[in-house]
Amino acid sequence: MLNELNTLESKISQVVALCHSLRTENDGLREQLAATEAENERLAERMAAARSRIEQLAELLPEFKA
């Protein structure tokens, strides 16, 4: 009986350690995701600004007549 309780205690300790490890990893992944989403938003804004600037420049070009 004591041996079974010791085995159970060991398994519970392993599960607790695994949960802690997974929680830590999950927190890190959430931070990475937030940083990636922020970078994605910044790049999307830069692309929109570049697109707008290209459209403005295209309007200044004379029309090509064949």
Protein backbone atom coordinates (compact mmCIF):
# COMPACT_ATOMS: atom_id res chain seq x y z
CA MET A 1 0.00 0.00 0.00
CA LEU A 2 2.77 2.43 0.90
CA ASN A 3 4.60 1.60 -2.31
CA GLU A 4 1.46 2.34 -4.35
CA LEU A 5 1.04 5.69 -2.60
CA ASN A 6 4.67 6.57 -3.31
CA THR A 7 4.18 5.67 -6.98
CA LEU A 8 1.01 7.76 -7.12
CA GLU A 9 2.77 10.68 -5.44
CA SER A 10 5.60 10.44 -7.98
CA LYS A 11 3.17 10.41 -10.91
CA ILE A 12 1.26 13.37 -9.49
CA SER A 13 4.53 15.27 -9.12
CA GLN A 14 5.36 14.52 -12.74
CA VAL A 15 1.96 15.76 -13.89
CA VAL A 16 2.32 18.96 -11.85
CA ALA A 17 5.79 19.55 -13.31
CA LEU A 18 4.50 18.93 -16.82
CA CYS A 19 1.57 21.32 -16.28
CA HIS A 20 3.97 23.99 -15.03
CA SER A 21 6.25 23.45 -18.02
CA LEU A 22 3.35 23.59 -20.48
CA ARG A 23 1.95 26.73 -18.84
CA THR A 24 5.34 28.43 -19.15
CA GLU A 25 5.64 27.36 -22.78
CA ASN A 26 2.09 28.54 -23.49
CA ASP A 27 2.84 31.95 -21.99
CA GLY A 28 5.92 32.25 -24.19
CA LEU A 29 3.94 31.27 -27.27
CA ARG A 30 1.28 33.85 -26.46
CA GLU A 31 3.97 36.52 -26.23
CA GLN A 32 5.46 35.41 -29.56
CA LEU A 33 2.02 35.46 -31.17
CA ALA A 34 1.30 38.96 -29.89
CA ALA A 35 4.67 40.20 -31.18
CA THR A 36 4.10 38.55 -34.56
CA GLU A 37 0.61 40.02 -34.85
CA ALA A 38 1.96 43.49 -34.01
CA GLU A 39 4.70 43.12 -36.62
CA ASN A 40 2.14 41.91 -39.15
CA GLU A 41 -0.02 44.96 -38.46
CA ARG A 42 2.99 47.28 -38.82
CA LEU A 43 3.94 45.68 -42.14
CA ALA A 44 0.35 45.89 -43.40
CA GLU A 45 0.32 49.61 -42.61
CA ARG A 46 3.62 50.08 -44.46
CA MET A 47 2.25 48.19 -47.47
CA ALA A 48 -0.88 50.34 -47.51
CA ALA A 49 1.24 53.51 -47.36
CA ALA A 50 3.47 52.23 -50.18
CA ARG A 51 0.44 51.28 -52.27
CA SER A 52 -1.03 54.73 -51.77
CA ARG A 53 2.25 56.40 -52.73
CA ILE A 54 2.57 54.24 -55.88
CA GLU A 55 -0.99 55.10 -56.87
CA GLN A 56 -0.22 58.81 -56.42
CA LEU A 57 2.92 58.50 -58.53
CA ALA A 58 1.07 56.52 -61.21
CA GLU A 59 -1.43 59.37 -61.54
CA LEU A 60 1.44 61.74 -62.34
CA LEU A 61 2.68 59.60 -65.24
CA PRO A 62 1.59 60.66 -68.72
CA GLU A 63 -0.68 58.24 -70.53
CA PHE A 64 0.98 55.95 -73.03
CA LYS A 65 -0.55 56.11 -76.49
CA ALA A 66 0.31 53.39 -78.98
